[in-house]
């Protein structure tokens, strides 16, 4: 099963285009599905029913207060299509969302799926980016996949709407 992203309403619907351009053509967003205003538990039910991977900034509600610890909505589900969390210590602009989402998609493994897995991309205050992958609902060790330094935030990149 190839990854099908479901972009939460707390993120820009333009992320769907990025997913489609990277080959995840069945990706969509809450707005386009007419699902704006769903509660998080309702979102989880819809995502599971349609085999969608949830993409959100709202990591705590889906994974719990700490990565890899039992809590959160997806910890209660025996099987799901995964979760991608985008987090920044700074203001989450549309351009930053796009950059972090591209980093996340570039780090989905060769199976192109995240069944019972979470992938979080964190931008720290200094602009470095860390990627965390872990099992959910079965807690296991969280590992940092990589750290990206010196993100190019030049005006030319910003004007293009992409910061890759």
N, C-alpha and C. Protein backbone atom coordinates (compact mmCIF):
# COMPACT_ATOMS: atom_id res chain seq x y z
N UNK A 1 0.85 -1.18 0.00
CA UNK A 1 0.00 0.00 0.00
C UNK A 1 0.89 1.24 0.00
N UNK A 2 0.72 2.10 -0.97
CA UNK A 2 1.51 3.33 -1.05
C UNK A 2 0.90 4.41 -0.15
N UNK A 3 1.76 5.20 0.44
CA UNK A 3 1.36 6.28 1.33
C UNK A 3 0.29 7.17 0.70
N UNK A 4 -0.77 7.44 1.47
CA UNK A 4 -1.83 8.37 1.08
C UNK A 4 -1.95 9.38 2.22
N UNK A 5 -1.45 10.57 2.00
CA UNK A 5 -1.43 11.58 3.06
C UNK A 5 -2.79 12.25 3.20
N UNK A 6 -3.18 12.48 4.44
CA UNK A 6 -4.38 13.25 4.76
C UNK A 6 -3.91 14.46 5.57
N UNK A 7 -3.92 15.63 4.95
CA UNK A 7 -3.40 16.85 5.56
C UNK A 7 -4.45 17.43 6.50
N UNK A 8 -4.09 17.58 7.77
CA UNK A 8 -4.97 18.13 8.79
C UNK A 8 -5.26 19.60 8.50
N UNK A 9 -6.35 20.11 9.07
CA UNK A 9 -6.74 21.50 8.81
C UNK A 9 -5.82 22.52 9.46
N UNK A 10 -4.93 22.09 10.34
CA UNK A 10 -3.97 23.00 10.95
C UNK A 10 -2.77 23.27 10.03
N UNK A 11 -2.74 22.60 8.89
CA UNK A 11 -1.67 22.79 7.90
C UNK A 11 -2.28 23.28 6.59
N UNK A 12 -1.44 23.82 5.74
CA UNK A 12 -1.90 24.35 4.46
C UNK A 12 -2.33 23.23 3.52
N UNK A 13 -3.47 23.39 2.85
CA UNK A 13 -3.89 22.40 1.86
C UNK A 13 -2.93 22.31 0.67
N UNK A 14 -2.04 23.30 0.51
CA UNK A 14 -1.06 23.25 -0.59
C UNK A 14 -0.07 22.09 -0.42
N UNK A 15 -0.02 21.51 0.77
CA UNK A 15 0.87 20.36 0.98
C UNK A 15 0.43 19.16 0.14
N UNK A 16 -0.84 19.11 -0.22
CA UNK A 16 -1.32 18.01 -1.06
C UNK A 16 -0.56 18.01 -2.39
N UNK A 17 -0.35 19.18 -2.97
CA UNK A 17 0.37 19.27 -4.24
C UNK A 17 1.78 18.71 -4.11
N UNK A 18 2.44 18.99 -3.01
CA UNK A 18 3.79 18.47 -2.78
C UNK A 18 3.76 16.94 -2.74
N UNK A 19 2.79 16.39 -2.01
CA UNK A 19 2.67 14.92 -1.92
C UNK A 19 2.44 14.31 -3.30
N UNK A 20 1.54 14.91 -4.06
CA UNK A 20 1.23 14.39 -5.39
C UNK A 20 2.46 14.46 -6.29
N UNK A 21 3.21 15.59 -6.23
CA UNK A 21 4.42 15.74 -7.04
C UNK A 21 5.48 14.70 -6.69
N UNK A 22 5.47 14.22 -5.45
CA UNK A 22 6.43 13.21 -5.01
C UNK A 22 5.91 11.79 -5.25
N UNK A 23 4.77 11.68 -5.91
CA UNK A 23 4.27 10.36 -6.29
C UNK A 23 3.18 9.79 -5.39
N UNK A 24 2.77 10.55 -4.38
CA UNK A 24 1.73 10.09 -3.47
C UNK A 24 0.39 10.67 -3.95
N UNK A 25 -0.09 10.15 -5.07
CA UNK A 25 -1.18 10.77 -5.82
C UNK A 25 -2.54 10.66 -5.15
N UNK A 26 -2.70 9.76 -4.21
CA UNK A 26 -3.99 9.61 -3.52
C UNK A 26 -4.09 10.50 -2.28
N UNK A 27 -3.15 11.42 -2.13
CA UNK A 27 -3.15 12.32 -0.97
C UNK A 27 -4.24 13.36 -1.10
N UNK A 28 -4.71 13.85 0.04
CA UNK A 28 -5.80 14.82 0.08
C UNK A 28 -5.71 15.62 1.37
N UNK A 29 -6.65 16.52 1.56
CA UNK A 29 -6.69 17.29 2.80
C UNK A 29 -8.13 17.34 3.31
N UNK A 30 -8.27 17.71 4.57
CA UNK A 30 -9.60 17.77 5.17
C UNK A 30 -10.52 18.71 4.42
N UNK A 31 -9.97 19.86 4.00
CA UNK A 31 -10.80 20.84 3.27
C UNK A 31 -11.38 20.24 2.01
N UNK A 32 -10.55 19.55 1.23
CA UNK A 32 -11.00 19.00 -0.05
C UNK A 32 -11.97 17.84 0.13
N UNK A 33 -11.92 17.19 1.27
CA UNK A 33 -12.85 16.08 1.55
C UNK A 33 -14.15 16.57 2.20
N UNK A 34 -14.21 17.86 2.55
CA UNK A 34 -15.38 18.39 3.23
C UNK A 34 -15.44 17.99 4.69
N UNK A 35 -14.26 17.76 5.28
CA UNK A 35 -14.18 17.28 6.66
C UNK A 35 -13.68 18.34 7.64
N UNK A 36 -13.69 19.61 7.28
CA UNK A 36 -13.27 20.65 8.22
C UNK A 36 -14.14 20.59 9.47
N UNK A 37 -13.53 20.76 10.62
CA UNK A 37 -14.26 20.76 11.87
C UNK A 37 -14.39 19.40 12.53
N UNK A 38 -13.85 18.35 11.90
CA UNK A 38 -13.88 17.04 12.56
C UNK A 38 -13.08 17.10 13.86
N UNK A 39 -13.53 16.40 14.86
CA UNK A 39 -12.73 16.26 16.08
C UNK A 39 -11.56 15.33 15.75
N UNK A 40 -10.54 15.35 16.58
CA UNK A 40 -9.40 14.45 16.33
C UNK A 40 -9.81 12.98 16.34
N UNK A 41 -10.66 12.53 17.28
CA UNK A 41 -11.09 11.13 17.21
C UNK A 41 -11.85 10.81 15.91
N UNK A 42 -12.65 11.74 15.42
CA UNK A 42 -13.35 11.53 14.15
C UNK A 42 -12.35 11.46 12.99
N UNK A 43 -11.34 12.31 13.03
CA UNK A 43 -10.30 12.31 12.01
C UNK A 43 -9.58 10.96 11.98
N UNK A 44 -9.24 10.44 13.14
CA UNK A 44 -8.56 9.15 13.22
C UNK A 44 -9.44 8.06 12.59
N UNK A 45 -10.72 8.04 12.92
CA UNK A 45 -11.63 7.02 12.37
C UNK A 45 -11.67 7.11 10.84
N UNK A 46 -11.79 8.34 10.30
CA UNK A 46 -11.84 8.52 8.84
C UNK A 46 -10.51 8.10 8.19
N UNK A 47 -9.41 8.49 8.81
CA UNK A 47 -8.10 8.14 8.26
C UNK A 47 -7.92 6.61 8.24
N UNK A 48 -8.32 5.95 9.30
CA UNK A 48 -8.19 4.50 9.35
C UNK A 48 -9.09 3.85 8.30
N UNK A 49 -10.31 4.33 8.18
CA UNK A 49 -11.25 3.75 7.21
C UNK A 49 -10.74 3.86 5.78
N UNK A 50 -10.02 4.94 5.46
CA UNK A 50 -9.54 5.17 4.10
C UNK A 50 -8.04 4.89 3.92
N UNK A 51 -7.40 4.31 4.94
CA UNK A 51 -5.96 4.02 4.89
C UNK A 51 -5.11 5.25 4.61
N UNK A 52 -5.46 6.38 5.22
CA UNK A 52 -4.69 7.61 5.08
C UNK A 52 -3.69 7.76 6.22
N UNK A 53 -2.54 8.31 5.88
CA UNK A 53 -1.53 8.71 6.86
C UNK A 53 -1.85 10.14 7.27
N UNK A 54 -2.03 10.38 8.55
CA UNK A 54 -2.36 11.72 9.05
C UNK A 54 -1.11 12.58 9.05
N UNK A 55 -1.22 13.79 8.50
CA UNK A 55 -0.13 14.77 8.52
C UNK A 55 -0.65 15.97 9.31
N UNK A 56 0.06 16.34 10.39
CA UNK A 56 -0.45 17.37 11.29
C UNK A 56 0.68 18.09 12.01
N UNK A 57 0.33 19.23 12.61
CA UNK A 57 1.22 19.91 13.56
C UNK A 57 0.84 19.50 14.98
N UNK A 58 -0.33 18.94 15.13
CA UNK A 58 -0.93 18.62 16.42
C UNK A 58 -0.46 17.24 16.90
N UNK A 59 0.82 17.11 17.13
CA UNK A 59 1.40 15.81 17.45
C UNK A 59 0.90 15.23 18.77
N UNK A 60 0.76 16.05 19.77
CA UNK A 60 0.43 15.56 21.11
C UNK A 60 -0.86 14.76 21.12
N UNK A 61 -1.91 15.25 20.46
CA UNK A 61 -3.18 14.53 20.49
C UNK A 61 -3.09 13.17 19.81
N UNK A 62 -2.24 13.03 18.82
CA UNK A 62 -2.16 11.78 18.07
C UNK A 62 -1.15 10.80 18.66
N UNK A 63 -0.03 11.28 19.20
CA UNK A 63 0.99 10.39 19.74
C UNK A 63 1.04 10.40 21.25
N UNK A 64 0.52 11.44 21.90
CA UNK A 64 0.65 11.59 23.34
C UNK A 64 1.71 12.63 23.66
N UNK A 65 1.91 12.92 24.95
CA UNK A 65 2.80 14.01 25.33
C UNK A 65 4.28 13.76 25.05
N UNK A 66 4.69 12.52 24.90
CA UNK A 66 6.09 12.21 24.62
C UNK A 66 6.17 11.12 23.56
N UNK A 67 7.12 11.29 22.64
CA UNK A 67 7.31 10.27 21.60
C UNK A 67 7.60 8.92 22.24
N UNK A 68 6.96 7.88 21.70
CA UNK A 68 7.27 6.52 22.12
C UNK A 68 6.65 6.09 23.43
N UNK A 69 5.83 6.93 24.05
CA UNK A 69 5.17 6.55 25.30
C UNK A 69 3.69 6.34 25.02
N UNK A 70 3.08 5.34 25.68
CA UNK A 70 1.68 5.05 25.40
C UNK A 70 0.74 6.16 25.85
N UNK A 71 0.13 6.80 24.91
CA UNK A 71 -0.88 7.85 25.11
C UNK A 71 -1.26 8.32 23.72
N UNK A 72 -2.24 9.17 23.61
CA UNK A 72 -2.61 9.71 22.32
C UNK A 72 -3.55 8.80 21.56
N UNK A 73 -4.22 9.38 20.59
CA UNK A 73 -5.27 8.67 19.85
C UNK A 73 -4.76 7.48 19.04
N UNK A 74 -3.60 7.59 18.40
CA UNK A 74 -3.10 6.48 17.60
C UNK A 74 -2.52 5.36 18.45
N UNK A 75 -2.18 5.65 19.69
CA UNK A 75 -1.71 4.59 20.59
C UNK A 75 -2.82 3.60 20.89
N UNK A 76 -4.07 4.03 20.73
CA UNK A 76 -5.22 3.18 21.04
C UNK A 76 -5.66 2.32 19.86
N UNK A 77 -5.05 2.54 18.70
CA UNK A 77 -5.47 1.83 17.48
C UNK A 77 -4.52 0.68 17.18
N UNK A 78 -5.04 -0.52 16.99
CA UNK A 78 -4.16 -1.67 16.73
C UNK A 78 -3.46 -1.59 15.38
N UNK A 79 -4.10 -0.94 14.39
CA UNK A 79 -3.46 -0.78 13.08
C UNK A 79 -3.96 0.51 12.43
N UNK A 80 -3.03 1.23 11.84
CA UNK A 80 -3.34 2.48 11.15
C UNK A 80 -2.26 2.75 10.13
N UNK A 81 -2.50 3.69 9.23
CA UNK A 81 -1.57 3.98 8.13
C UNK A 81 -0.49 4.99 8.51
N UNK A 82 -0.36 5.31 9.78
CA UNK A 82 0.75 6.14 10.23
C UNK A 82 0.41 7.60 10.43
N UNK A 83 1.46 8.32 10.78
CA UNK A 83 1.33 9.69 11.24
C UNK A 83 2.61 10.43 10.91
N UNK A 84 2.49 11.61 10.31
CA UNK A 84 3.63 12.50 10.07
C UNK A 84 3.37 13.77 10.84
N UNK A 85 4.30 14.14 11.71
CA UNK A 85 4.18 15.36 12.50
C UNK A 85 5.21 16.39 12.05
N UNK A 86 4.75 17.61 11.87
CA UNK A 86 5.63 18.73 11.49
C UNK A 86 5.65 19.70 12.65
N UNK A 87 6.84 19.98 13.19
CA UNK A 87 6.96 20.78 14.40
C UNK A 87 8.08 21.80 14.22
N UNK A 88 7.84 23.02 14.69
CA UNK A 88 8.89 24.04 14.66
C UNK A 88 8.85 24.84 15.94
N UNK A 89 10.03 25.24 16.39
CA UNK A 89 10.13 26.12 17.55
C UNK A 89 9.77 27.54 17.18
N UNK A 90 9.72 27.79 15.88
CA UNK A 90 9.39 29.13 15.39
C UNK A 90 8.01 29.12 14.74
N UNK A 91 7.58 30.29 14.27
CA UNK A 91 6.29 30.41 13.61
C UNK A 91 6.24 29.50 12.38
N UNK A 92 5.17 28.73 12.27
CA UNK A 92 5.05 27.75 11.19
C UNK A 92 4.40 28.40 9.97
N UNK A 93 5.22 28.99 9.12
CA UNK A 93 4.73 29.61 7.90
C UNK A 93 4.37 28.53 6.88
N UNK A 94 3.68 28.93 5.84
CA UNK A 94 3.34 27.98 4.78
C UNK A 94 4.61 27.45 4.12
N UNK A 95 5.60 28.32 3.95
CA UNK A 95 6.86 27.89 3.35
C UNK A 95 7.61 26.91 4.25
N UNK A 96 7.58 27.15 5.55
CA UNK A 96 8.22 26.22 6.47
C UNK A 96 7.48 24.88 6.49
N UNK A 97 6.16 24.92 6.46
CA UNK A 97 5.38 23.68 6.38
C UNK A 97 5.80 22.86 5.16
N UNK A 98 5.91 23.55 4.02
CA UNK A 98 6.29 22.87 2.78
C UNK A 98 7.67 22.24 2.91
N UNK A 99 8.61 22.98 3.46
CA UNK A 99 9.97 22.46 3.62
C UNK A 99 9.97 21.23 4.53
N UNK A 100 9.35 21.33 5.70
CA UNK A 100 9.35 20.21 6.64
C UNK A 100 8.63 19.00 6.07
N UNK A 101 7.55 19.23 5.33
CA UNK A 101 6.82 18.13 4.72
C UNK A 101 7.67 17.43 3.66
N UNK A 102 8.40 18.21 2.86
CA UNK A 102 9.30 17.60 1.88
C UNK A 102 10.38 16.77 2.56
N UNK A 103 10.93 17.28 3.65
CA UNK A 103 11.92 16.51 4.41
C UNK A 103 11.29 15.21 4.89
N UNK A 104 10.08 15.28 5.41
CA UNK A 104 9.40 14.07 5.89
C UNK A 104 9.22 13.07 4.76
N UNK A 105 8.68 13.51 3.63
CA UNK A 105 8.45 12.59 2.51
C UNK A 105 9.74 12.01 1.98
N UNK A 106 10.81 12.79 2.00
CA UNK A 106 12.11 12.28 1.56
C UNK A 106 12.66 11.22 2.51
N UNK A 107 12.10 11.13 3.71
CA UNK A 107 12.58 10.17 4.70
C UNK A 107 11.62 9.01 4.95
N UNK A 108 10.57 8.91 4.15
CA UNK A 108 9.72 7.72 4.20
C UNK A 108 10.53 6.60 3.56
N UNK A 109 10.58 5.45 4.19
CA UNK A 109 11.46 4.40 3.68
C UNK A 109 10.97 3.85 2.33
N UNK A 110 11.73 2.96 1.78
CA UNK A 110 11.48 2.45 0.43
C UNK A 110 10.13 1.76 0.28
N UNK A 111 9.50 1.36 1.38
CA UNK A 111 8.19 0.71 1.28
C UNK A 111 7.09 1.71 0.98
N UNK A 112 7.38 3.00 1.12
CA UNK A 112 6.40 4.07 0.88
C UNK A 112 5.18 3.96 1.77
N UNK A 113 5.37 3.47 2.96
CA UNK A 113 4.25 3.38 3.89
C UNK A 113 4.75 3.58 5.32
N UNK A 114 3.83 3.90 6.19
CA UNK A 114 4.14 4.13 7.60
C UNK A 114 3.18 3.35 8.49
N UNK A 115 2.84 2.14 8.11
CA UNK A 115 1.87 1.37 8.89
C UNK A 115 2.37 1.23 10.33
N UNK A 116 1.53 1.71 11.27
CA UNK A 116 1.83 1.70 12.70
C UNK A 116 3.16 2.37 13.03
N UNK A 117 3.48 3.42 12.29
CA UNK A 117 4.71 4.17 12.53
C UNK A 117 4.41 5.67 12.55
N UNK A 118 5.29 6.38 13.20
CA UNK A 118 5.22 7.84 13.21
C UNK A 118 6.55 8.38 12.71
N UNK A 119 6.47 9.50 12.02
CA UNK A 119 7.65 10.21 11.54
C UNK A 119 7.43 11.67 11.88
N UNK A 120 8.30 12.21 12.73
CA UNK A 120 8.18 13.62 13.12
C UNK A 120 9.40 14.37 12.64
N UNK A 121 9.15 15.54 12.07
CA UNK A 121 10.22 16.43 11.60
C UNK A 121 10.16 17.68 12.47
N UNK A 122 11.24 17.93 13.19
CA UNK A 122 11.32 19.04 14.15
C UNK A 122 12.36 20.05 13.70
N UNK A 123 11.94 21.30 13.57
CA UNK A 123 12.90 22.38 13.36
C UNK A 123 13.16 23.04 14.71
N UNK A 124 14.44 23.13 15.07
CA UNK A 124 14.81 23.73 16.34
C UNK A 124 15.03 25.25 16.17
N UNK A 125 15.21 25.93 17.30
CA UNK A 125 15.40 27.39 17.28
C UNK A 125 16.55 27.82 16.38
N UNK A 126 17.60 27.01 16.30
CA UNK A 126 18.77 27.39 15.50
C UNK A 126 18.62 27.04 14.02
N UNK A 127 17.45 26.51 13.62
CA UNK A 127 17.20 26.19 12.21
C UNK A 127 17.57 24.78 11.82
N UNK A 128 18.22 24.03 12.71
CA UNK A 128 18.51 22.64 12.38
C UNK A 128 17.23 21.82 12.45
N UNK A 129 17.22 20.75 11.70
CA UNK A 129 16.05 19.89 11.61
C UNK A 129 16.43 18.49 12.05
N UNK A 130 15.60 17.90 12.90
CA UNK A 130 15.79 16.51 13.31
C UNK A 130 14.56 15.71 12.92
N UNK A 131 14.81 14.45 12.59
CA UNK A 131 13.74 13.56 12.18
C UNK A 131 13.70 12.40 13.15
N UNK A 132 12.52 12.13 13.68
CA UNK A 132 12.32 11.05 14.63
C UNK A 132 11.36 10.04 14.03
N UNK A 133 11.70 8.77 14.13
CA UNK A 133 10.82 7.70 13.67
C UNK A 133 10.62 6.73 14.82
N UNK A 134 9.37 6.28 14.99
CA UNK A 134 9.09 5.34 16.07
C UNK A 134 7.80 4.59 15.76
N UNK A 135 7.65 3.46 16.43
CA UNK A 135 6.44 2.65 16.29
C UNK A 135 5.33 3.25 17.12
N UNK A 136 4.13 3.13 16.60
CA UNK A 136 2.95 3.57 17.34
C UNK A 136 1.81 2.66 16.89
N UNK A 137 1.18 1.88 17.71
CA UNK A 137 1.02 1.99 19.15
C UNK A 137 2.06 1.26 19.98
N UNK A 138 2.88 0.42 19.41
CA UNK A 138 3.83 -0.33 20.22
C UNK A 138 5.05 0.55 20.49
N UNK A 139 5.23 0.99 21.73
CA UNK A 139 6.38 1.86 22.01
C UNK A 139 7.69 1.13 21.80
N UNK A 140 8.61 1.80 21.17
CA UNK A 140 9.97 1.30 21.02
C UNK A 140 10.90 2.49 21.07
N UNK A 141 12.15 2.24 20.90
CA UNK A 141 13.09 3.35 21.01
C UNK A 141 12.86 4.34 19.88
N UNK A 142 12.99 5.60 20.21
CA UNK A 142 12.92 6.66 19.23
C UNK A 142 14.34 6.93 18.77
N UNK A 143 14.51 7.09 17.48
CA UNK A 143 15.85 7.37 17.00
C UNK A 143 15.83 8.60 16.12
N UNK A 144 16.90 9.34 16.17
CA UNK A 144 17.06 10.47 15.27
C UNK A 144 17.61 9.92 13.97
N UNK A 145 16.88 10.13 12.88
CA UNK A 145 17.33 9.62 11.59
C UNK A 145 18.44 10.52 11.05
N UNK A 146 18.22 11.82 11.11
CA UNK A 146 19.23 12.73 10.59
C UNK A 146 19.00 14.11 11.15
N UNK A 147 19.99 14.93 10.97
CA UNK A 147 19.90 16.32 11.35
C UNK A 147 20.33 17.14 10.14
N UNK A 148 19.54 18.13 9.78
CA UNK A 148 19.82 18.95 8.62
C UNK A 148 20.21 20.34 9.12
N UNK A 149 21.38 20.81 8.73
CA UNK A 149 21.87 22.12 9.16
C UNK A 149 21.76 23.11 8.01
N UNK A 150 21.81 24.37 8.38
CA UNK A 150 21.92 25.46 7.41
C UNK A 150 20.82 25.44 6.35
N UNK A 151 19.60 25.52 6.78
CA UNK A 151 18.48 25.59 5.86
C UNK A 151 18.57 26.91 5.10
N UNK A 152 18.50 26.85 3.77
CA UNK A 152 18.58 28.04 2.94
C UNK A 152 17.23 28.74 2.95
N UNK A 153 17.15 29.89 3.61
CA UNK A 153 15.92 30.66 3.68
C UNK A 153 16.07 31.97 2.90
N UNK A 154 16.82 31.90 1.81
CA UNK A 154 17.08 33.10 1.02
C UNK A 154 15.79 33.61 0.39
N UNK A 155 15.73 34.92 0.08
CA UNK A 155 14.53 35.49 -0.54
C UNK A 155 14.15 34.79 -1.84
N UNK A 156 15.14 34.35 -2.62
CA UNK A 156 14.84 33.67 -3.88
C UNK A 156 14.10 32.37 -3.61
N UNK A 157 14.55 31.62 -2.61
CA UNK A 157 13.87 30.37 -2.25
C UNK A 157 12.48 30.67 -1.70
N UNK A 158 12.38 31.70 -0.86
CA UNK A 158 11.10 32.05 -0.26
C UNK A 158 10.11 32.48 -1.33
N UNK A 159 10.58 33.22 -2.34
CA UNK A 159 9.68 33.69 -3.38
C UNK A 159 9.13 32.54 -4.20
N UNK A 160 9.90 31.47 -4.31
CA UNK A 160 9.43 30.31 -5.07
C UNK A 160 8.41 29.51 -4.29
N UNK A 161 8.29 29.80 -2.97
CA UNK A 161 7.35 29.06 -2.16
C UNK A 161 7.90 27.74 -1.66
N UNK A 162 9.17 27.46 -2.00
CA UNK A 162 9.78 26.21 -1.59
C UNK A 162 11.15 26.50 -1.01
N UNK A 163 11.46 25.83 0.06
CA UNK A 163 12.73 26.06 0.75
C UNK A 163 13.61 24.82 0.73
N UNK A 164 13.66 24.10 -0.38
CA UNK A 164 14.43 22.87 -0.39
C UNK A 164 15.85 23.08 -0.84
